[in-house]
Amino acid sequence: MPQAVTEKQPYNVRVTCVIPSSASTGFQSASGISEVNDKLLPEDIAETVLYVANLPQRAVVEDVTVWGIDKQVNPL
């Protein structure tokens, strides 16, 4: 595990990296950029964060990537 995570273990601090893909947030239109219609919504990211936060204290998820159902995911 990365050092930032392991150095907090004695204090029962859990660290998770949530990696969202693009989502329809309204940012594009507010910035004068043409709006995108991604299927992923800000609420989907919020629900993922809430899910991870509500895991039992004895469990930790190191990272989670959230993709919209309309995104093509290519392995690295």
PDB file of N, CA and C in Angstrom:
ATOM      1  N   MET A   1       0.831  -1.185   0.000  1.00  0.00           N
ATOM      2  CA  MET A   1       0.000   0.000   0.000  1.00  0.00           C
ATOM      3  C   MET A   1       0.872   1.244   0.000  1.00  0.00           C
ATOM      4  N   PRO A   2       0.393   2.337  -0.594  1.00  0.00           N
ATOM      5  CA  PRO A   2       1.164   3.587  -0.567  1.00  0.00           C
ATOM      6  C   PRO A   2       1.407   4.052   0.869  1.00  0.00           C
ATOM      7  N   GLN A   3       2.508   4.754   1.077  1.00  0.00           N
ATOM      8  CA  GLN A   3       2.893   5.189   2.419  1.00  0.00           C
ATOM      9  C   GLN A   3       1.814   6.031   3.086  1.00  0.00           C
ATOM     10  N   ALA A   4       1.169   6.925   2.342  1.00  0.00           N
ATOM     11  CA  ALA A   4       0.140   7.791   2.934  1.00  0.00           C
ATOM     12  C   ALA A   4      -0.973   6.967   3.565  1.00  0.00           C
ATOM     13  N   VAL A   5      -1.258   5.797   2.999  1.00  0.00           N
ATOM     14  CA  VAL A   5      -2.308   4.939   3.532  1.00  0.00           C
ATOM     15  C   VAL A   5      -1.801   4.188   4.756  1.00  0.00           C
ATOM     16  N   THR A   6      -0.642   3.568   4.667  1.00  0.00           N
ATOM     17  CA  THR A   6      -0.160   2.730   5.760  1.00  0.00           C
ATOM     18  C   THR A   6       0.226   3.542   6.984  1.00  0.00           C
ATOM     19  N   GLU A   7       0.672   4.761   6.829  1.00  0.00           N
ATOM     20  CA  GLU A   7       1.064   5.548   8.005  1.00  0.00           C
ATOM     21  C   GLU A   7      -0.141   5.990   8.835  1.00  0.00           C
ATOM     22  N   LYS A   8      -1.326   5.914   8.293  1.00  0.00           N
ATOM     23  CA  LYS A   8      -2.547   6.288   9.028  1.00  0.00           C
ATOM     24  C   LYS A   8      -3.279   5.086   9.617  1.00  0.00           C
ATOM     25  N   GLN A   9      -2.849   3.873   9.285  1.00  0.00           N
ATOM     26  CA  GLN A   9      -3.525   2.676   9.787  1.00  0.00           C
ATOM     27  C   GLN A   9      -3.613   2.616  11.313  1.00  0.00           C
ATOM     28  N   PRO A  10      -2.571   2.994  12.058  1.00  0.00           N
ATOM     29  CA  PRO A  10      -2.686   2.925  13.517  1.00  0.00           C
ATOM     30  C   PRO A  10      -3.799   3.817  14.073  1.00  0.00           C
ATOM     31  N   TYR A  11      -4.253   4.781  13.284  1.00  0.00           N
ATOM     32  CA  TYR A  11      -5.294   5.717  13.727  1.00  0.00           C
ATOM     33  C   TYR A  11      -6.663   5.364  13.148  1.00  0.00           C
ATOM     34  N   ASN A  12      -6.756   4.196  12.535  1.00  0.00           N
ATOM     35  CA  ASN A  12      -8.001   3.726  11.907  1.00  0.00           C
ATOM     36  C   ASN A  12      -8.516   4.667  10.830  1.00  0.00           C
ATOM     37  N   VAL A  13      -7.603   5.320  10.121  1.00  0.00           N
ATOM     38  CA  VAL A  13      -7.972   6.184   8.998  1.00  0.00           C
ATOM     39  C   VAL A  13      -7.941   5.344   7.729  1.00  0.00           C
ATOM     40  N   ARG A  14      -9.040   5.366   7.004  1.00  0.00           N
ATOM     41  CA  ARG A  14      -9.114   4.654   5.733  1.00  0.00           C
ATOM     42  C   ARG A  14      -9.028   5.669   4.600  1.00  0.00           C
ATOM     43  N   VAL A  15      -8.268   5.342   3.580  1.00  0.00           N
ATOM     44  CA  VAL A  15      -8.081   6.235   2.444  1.00  0.00           C
ATOM     45  C   VAL A  15      -8.508   5.507   1.177  1.00  0.00           C
ATOM     46  N   THR A  16      -9.372   6.148   0.407  1.00  0.00           N
ATOM     47  CA  THR A  16      -9.816   5.596  -0.869  1.00  0.00           C
ATOM     48  C   THR A  16      -9.709   6.670  -1.927  1.00  0.00           C
ATOM     49  N   CYS A  17      -9.204   6.313  -3.083  1.00  0.00           N
ATOM     50  CA  CYS A  17      -9.125   7.228  -4.218  1.00  0.00           C
ATOM     51  C   CYS A  17     -10.298   6.915  -5.148  1.00  0.00           C
ATOM     52  N   VAL A  18     -11.198   7.877  -5.328  1.00  0.00           N
ATOM     53  CA  VAL A  18     -12.320   7.712  -6.247  1.00  0.00           C
ATOM     54  C   VAL A  18     -11.953   8.417  -7.545  1.00  0.00           C
ATOM     55  N   ILE A  19     -11.954   7.649  -8.631  1.00  0.00           N
ATOM     56  CA  ILE A  19     -11.540   8.160  -9.935  1.00  0.00           C
ATOM     57  C   ILE A  19     -12.758   8.167 -10.862  1.00  0.00           C
ATOM     58  N   PRO A  20     -13.381   9.325 -11.056  1.00  0.00           N
ATOM     59  CA  PRO A  20     -14.556   9.371 -11.931  1.00  0.00           C
ATOM     60  C   PRO A  20     -14.167   9.640 -13.382  1.00  0.00           C
ATOM     61  N   SER A  21     -14.943   9.054 -14.300  1.00  0.00           N
ATOM     62  CA  SER A  21     -14.775   9.449 -15.698  1.00  0.00           C
ATOM     63  C   SER A  21     -15.577  10.728 -15.897  1.00  0.00           C
ATOM     64  N   SER A  22     -15.710  11.181 -17.121  1.00  0.00           N
ATOM     65  CA  SER A  22     -16.465  12.415 -17.347  1.00  0.00           C
ATOM     66  C   SER A  22     -17.944  12.189 -17.047  1.00  0.00           C
ATOM     67  N   ALA A  23     -18.586  13.257 -16.597  1.00  0.00           N
ATOM     68  CA  ALA A  23     -19.996  13.179 -16.238  1.00  0.00           C
ATOM     69  C   ALA A  23     -20.698  14.457 -16.692  1.00  0.00           C
ATOM     70  N   SER A  24     -21.980  14.361 -16.899  1.00  0.00           N
ATOM     71  CA  SER A  24     -22.782  15.526 -17.256  1.00  0.00           C
ATOM     72  C   SER A  24     -23.037  16.356 -16.006  1.00  0.00           C
ATOM     73  N   THR A  25     -22.297  17.442 -15.878  1.00  0.00           N
ATOM     74  CA  THR A  25     -22.393  18.267 -14.670  1.00  0.00           C
ATOM     75  C   THR A  25     -22.920  19.667 -14.941  1.00  0.00           C
ATOM     76  N   GLY A  26     -23.002  20.063 -16.187  1.00  0.00           N
ATOM     77  CA  GLY A  26     -23.382  21.428 -16.511  1.00  0.00           C
ATOM     78  C   GLY A  26     -22.177  22.353 -16.588  1.00  0.00           C
ATOM     79  N   PHE A  27     -20.990  21.842 -16.248  1.00  0.00           N
ATOM     80  CA  PHE A  27     -19.773  22.644 -16.284  1.00  0.00           C
ATOM     81  C   PHE A  27     -19.496  23.165 -17.690  1.00  0.00           C
ATOM     82  N   GLN A  28     -19.710  22.307 -18.684  1.00  0.00           N
ATOM     83  CA  GLN A  28     -19.409  22.706 -20.062  1.00  0.00           C
ATOM     84  C   GLN A  28     -20.232  23.909 -20.494  1.00  0.00           C
ATOM     85  N   SER A  29     -21.538  23.857 -20.277  1.00  0.00           N
ATOM     86  CA  SER A  29     -22.369  24.980 -20.713  1.00  0.00           C
ATOM     87  C   SER A  29     -22.070  26.233 -19.898  1.00  0.00           C
ATOM     88  N   ALA A  30     -21.755  26.081 -18.616  1.00  0.00           N
ATOM     89  CA  ALA A  30     -21.412  27.237 -17.782  1.00  0.00           C
ATOM     90  C   ALA A  30     -20.097  27.863 -18.220  1.00  0.00           C
ATOM     91  N   SER A  31     -19.239  27.077 -18.872  1.00  0.00           N
ATOM     92  CA  SER A  31     -17.941  27.576 -19.331  1.00  0.00           C
ATOM     93  C   SER A  31     -17.969  28.021 -20.780  1.00  0.00           C
ATOM     94  N   GLY A  32     -19.121  27.924 -21.413  1.00  0.00           N
ATOM     95  CA  GLY A  32     -19.220  28.319 -22.808  1.00  0.00           C
ATOM     96  C   GLY A  32     -18.725  27.240 -23.756  1.00  0.00           C
ATOM     97  N   ILE A  33     -18.540  26.039 -23.252  1.00  0.00           N
ATOM     98  CA  ILE A  33     -18.118  24.898 -24.073  1.00  0.00           C
ATOM     99  C   ILE A  33     -19.373  24.108 -24.410  1.00  0.00           C
ATOM    100  N   SER A  34     -19.402  23.498 -25.583  1.00  0.00           N
ATOM    101  CA  SER A  34     -20.602  22.735 -25.926  1.00  0.00           C
ATOM    102  C   SER A  34     -20.808  21.597 -24.920  1.00  0.00           C
ATOM    103  N   GLU A  35     -22.044  21.453 -24.500  1.00  0.00           N
ATOM    104  CA  GLU A  35     -22.415  20.480 -23.470  1.00  0.00           C
ATOM    105  C   GLU A  35     -22.238  19.052 -23.983  1.00  0.00           C
ATOM    106  N   VAL A  36     -21.838  18.160 -23.085  1.00  0.00           N
ATOM    107  CA  VAL A  36     -21.767  16.735 -23.414  1.00  0.00           C
ATOM    108  C   VAL A  36     -22.937  16.037 -22.742  1.00  0.00           C
ATOM    109  N   ASN A  37     -23.331  14.940 -23.307  1.00  0.00           N
ATOM    110  CA  ASN A  37     -24.436  14.166 -22.748  1.00  0.00           C
ATOM    111  C   ASN A  37     -23.924  12.827 -22.240  1.00  0.00           C
ATOM    112  N   ASP A  38     -23.092  12.848 -21.232  1.00  0.00           N
ATOM    113  CA  ASP A  38     -22.609  11.612 -20.632  1.00  0.00           C
ATOM    114  C   ASP A  38     -23.726  10.991 -19.810  1.00  0.00           C
ATOM    115  N   LYS A  39     -23.745   9.677 -19.789  1.00  0.00           N
ATOM    116  CA  LYS A  39     -24.756   8.989 -18.984  1.00  0.00           C
ATOM    117  C   LYS A  39     -24.439   9.067 -17.495  1.00  0.00           C
ATOM    118  N   LEU A  40     -23.155   9.219 -17.150  1.00  0.00           N
ATOM    119  CA  LEU A  40     -22.752   9.316 -15.754  1.00  0.00           C
ATOM    120  C   LEU A  40     -23.126  10.690 -15.209  1.00  0.00           C
ATOM    121  N   LEU A  41     -23.752  10.704 -14.042  1.00  0.00           N
ATOM    122  CA  LEU A  41     -24.198  11.948 -13.413  1.00  0.00           C
ATOM    123  C   LEU A  41     -23.422  12.191 -12.122  1.00  0.00           C
ATOM    124  N   PRO A  42     -23.364  13.433 -11.652  1.00  0.00           N
ATOM    125  CA  PRO A  42     -22.686  13.725 -10.393  1.00  0.00           C
ATOM    126  C   PRO A  42     -23.226  12.884  -9.235  1.00  0.00           C
ATOM    127  N   GLU A  43     -24.529  12.597  -9.263  1.00  0.00           N
ATOM    128  CA  GLU A  43     -25.134  11.784  -8.208  1.00  0.00           C
ATOM    129  C   GLU A  43     -24.537  10.379  -8.156  1.00  0.00           C
ATOM    130  N   ASP A  44     -24.131   9.860  -9.328  1.00  0.00           N
ATOM    131  CA  ASP A  44     -23.528   8.527  -9.386  1.00  0.00           C
ATOM    132  C   ASP A  44     -22.187   8.506  -8.645  1.00  0.00           C
ATOM    133  N   ILE A  45     -21.419   9.569  -8.802  1.00  0.00           N
ATOM    134  CA  ILE A  45     -20.137   9.667  -8.094  1.00  0.00           C
ATOM    135  C   ILE A  45     -20.399   9.814  -6.597  1.00  0.00           C
ATOM    136  N   ALA A  46     -21.362  10.648  -6.236  1.00  0.00           N
ATOM    137  CA  ALA A  46     -21.692  10.849  -4.822  1.00  0.00           C
ATOM    138  C   ALA A  46     -22.147   9.537  -4.179  1.00  0.00           C
ATOM    139  N   GLU A  47     -22.945   8.753  -4.871  1.00  0.00           N
ATOM    140  CA  GLU A  47     -23.402   7.474  -4.333  1.00  0.00           C
ATOM    141  C   GLU A  47     -22.240   6.504  -4.149  1.00  0.00           C
ATOM    142  N   THR A  48     -21.274   6.549  -5.056  1.00  0.00           N
ATOM    143  CA  THR A  48     -20.091   5.694  -4.927  1.00  0.00           C
ATOM    144  C   THR A  48     -19.285   6.070  -3.692  1.00  0.00           C
ATOM    145  N   VAL A  49     -19.082   7.367  -3.475  1.00  0.00           N
ATOM    146  CA  VAL A  49     -18.348   7.842  -2.296  1.00  0.00           C
ATOM    147  C   VAL A  49     -19.081   7.423  -1.028  1.00  0.00           C
ATOM    148  N   LEU A  50     -20.399   7.578  -1.008  1.00  0.00           N
ATOM    149  CA  LEU A  50     -21.193   7.180   0.151  1.00  0.00           C
ATOM    150  C   LEU A  50     -21.090   5.682   0.404  1.00  0.00           C
ATOM    151  N   TYR A  51     -21.134   4.893  -0.657  1.00  0.00           N
ATOM    152  CA  TYR A  51     -21.008   3.434  -0.525  1.00  0.00           C
ATOM    153  C   TYR A  51     -19.673   3.065   0.124  1.00  0.00           C
ATOM    154  N   VAL A  52     -18.580   3.655  -0.388  1.00  0.00           N
ATOM    155  CA  VAL A  52     -17.251   3.352   0.159  1.00  0.00           C
ATOM    156  C   VAL A  52     -17.159   3.803   1.618  1.00  0.00           C
ATOM    157  N   ALA A  53     -17.704   4.962   1.931  1.00  0.00           N
ATOM    158  CA  ALA A  53     -17.646   5.480   3.297  1.00  0.00           C
ATOM    159  C   ALA A  53     -18.436   4.616   4.275  1.00  0.00           C
ATOM    160  N   ASN A  54     -19.448   3.914   3.788  1.00  0.00           N
ATOM    161  CA  ASN A  54     -20.289   3.090   4.651  1.00  0.00           C
ATOM    162  C   ASN A  54     -19.846   1.636   4.757  1.00  0.00           C
ATOM    163  N   LEU A  55     -18.691   1.315   4.189  1.00  0.00           N
ATOM    164  CA  LEU A  55     -18.168  -0.038   4.358  1.00  0.00           C
ATOM    165  C   LEU A  55     -17.852  -0.284   5.829  1.00  0.00           C
ATOM    166  N   PRO A  56     -17.832  -1.524   6.263  1.00  0.00           N
ATOM    167  CA  PRO A  56     -17.473  -1.802   7.657  1.00  0.00           C
ATOM    168  C   PRO A  56     -16.082  -1.251   7.980  1.00  0.00           C
ATOM    169  N   GLN A  57     -15.865  -0.851   9.215  1.00  0.00           N
ATOM    170  CA  GLN A  57     -14.584  -0.283   9.649  1.00  0.00           C
ATOM    171  C   GLN A  57     -13.410  -1.209   9.368  1.00  0.00           C
ATOM    172  N   ARG A  58     -13.656  -2.497   9.284  1.00  0.00           N
ATOM    173  CA  ARG A  58     -12.576  -3.456   9.072  1.00  0.00           C
ATOM    174  C   ARG A  58     -12.214  -3.606   7.595  1.00  0.00           C
ATOM    175  N   ALA A  59     -12.907  -2.893   6.720  1.00  0.00           N
ATOM    176  CA  ALA A  59     -12.680  -3.005   5.276  1.00  0.00           C
ATOM    177  C   ALA A  59     -12.247  -1.668   4.693  1.00  0.00           C
ATOM    178  N   VAL A  60     -11.411  -1.753   3.665  1.00  0.00           N
ATOM    179  CA  VAL A  60     -11.005  -0.545   2.944  1.00  0.00           C
ATOM    180  C   VAL A  60     -10.897  -0.872   1.459  1.00  0.00           C
ATOM    181  N   VAL A  61     -11.323   0.043   0.630  1.00  0.00           N
ATOM    182  CA  VAL A  61     -11.173  -0.058  -0.818  1.00  0.00           C
ATOM    183  C   VAL A  61     -10.080   0.926  -1.189  1.00  0.00           C
ATOM    184  N   GLU A  62      -9.004   0.440  -1.804  1.00  0.00           N
ATOM    185  CA  GLU A  62      -7.876   1.318  -2.129  1.00  0.00           C
ATOM    186  C   GLU A  62      -8.239   2.342  -3.195  1.00  0.00           C
ATOM    187  N   ASP A  63      -8.891   1.889  -4.258  1.00  0.00           N
ATOM    188  CA  ASP A  63      -9.340   2.838  -5.274  1.00  0.00           C
ATOM    189  C   ASP A  63     -10.531   2.250  -6.014  1.00  0.00           C
ATOM    190  N   VAL A  64     -11.307   3.134  -6.587  1.00  0.00           N
ATOM    191  CA  VAL A  64     -12.465   2.734  -7.377  1.00  0.00           C
ATOM    192  C   VAL A  64     -12.589   3.709  -8.547  1.00  0.00           C
ATOM    193  N   THR A  65     -12.740   3.141  -9.750  1.00  0.00           N
ATOM    194  CA  THR A  65     -12.944   3.956 -10.942  1.00  0.00           C
ATOM    195  C   THR A  65     -14.405   3.824 -11.347  1.00  0.00           C
ATOM    196  N   VAL A  66     -15.053   4.960 -11.572  1.00  0.00           N
ATOM    197  CA  VAL A  66     -16.473   4.967 -11.919  1.00  0.00           C
ATOM    198  C   VAL A  66     -16.610   5.418 -13.369  1.00  0.00           C
ATOM    199  N   TRP A  67     -17.107   4.518 -14.197  1.00  0.00           N
ATOM    200  CA  TRP A  67     -17.317   4.803 -15.618  1.00  0.00           C
ATOM    201  C   TRP A  67     -18.803   4.891 -15.904  1.00  0.00           C
ATOM    202  N   GLY A  68     -19.171   5.750 -16.835  1.00  0.00           N
ATOM    203  CA  GLY A  68     -20.542   5.772 -17.325  1.00  0.00           C
ATOM    204  C   GLY A  68     -20.762   4.573 -18.226  1.00  0.00           C
ATOM    205  N   ILE A  69     -21.974   4.107 -18.304  1.00  0.00           N
ATOM    206  CA  ILE A  69     -22.308   2.928 -19.092  1.00  0.00           C
ATOM    207  C   ILE A  69     -22.054   3.174 -20.582  1.00  0.00           C
ATOM    208  N   ASP A  70     -21.949   4.437 -20.979  1.00  0.00           N
ATOM    209  CA  ASP A  70     -21.734   4.777 -22.381  1.00  0.00           C
ATOM    210  C   ASP A  70     -20.260   4.912 -22.748  1.00  0.00           C
ATOM    211  N   LYS A  71     -19.343   4.682 -21.801  1.00  0.00           N
ATOM    212  CA  LYS A  71     -17.913   4.823 -22.056  1.00  0.00           C
ATOM    213  C   LYS A  71     -17.309   3.483 -22.454  1.00  0.00           C
ATOM    214  N   GLN A  72     -16.392   3.531 -23.404  1.00  0.00           N
ATOM    215  CA  GLN A  72     -15.646   2.334 -23.783  1.00  0.00           C
ATOM    216  C   GLN A  72     -14.398   2.283 -22.906  1.00  0.00           C
ATOM    217  N   VAL A  73     -14.235   1.207 -22.153  1.00  0.00           N
ATOM    218  CA  VAL A  73     -13.108   1.068 -21.241  1.00  0.00           C
ATOM    219  C   VAL A  73     -12.080   0.157 -21.890  1.00  0.00           C
ATOM    220  N   ASN A  74     -10.873   0.692 -22.095  1.00  0.00           N
ATOM    221  CA  ASN A  74      -9.793  -0.097 -22.672  1.00  0.00           C
ATOM    222  C   ASN A  74      -8.776  -0.417 -21.591  1.00  0.00           C
ATOM    223  N   PRO A  75      -8.427  -1.690 -21.435  1.00  0.00           N
ATOM    224  CA  PRO A  75      -7.418  -2.026 -20.415  1.00  0.00           C
ATOM    225  C   PRO A  75      -6.100  -1.336 -20.701  1.00  0.00           C
ATOM    226  N   LEU A  76      -5.372  -1.044 -19.635  1.00  0.00           N
ATOM    227  CA  LEU A  76      -4.065  -0.377 -19.793  1.00  0.00           C
ATOM    228  C   LEU A  76      -3.062  -1.287 -20.445  1.00  0.00           C
TER     229      LEU A  76
END
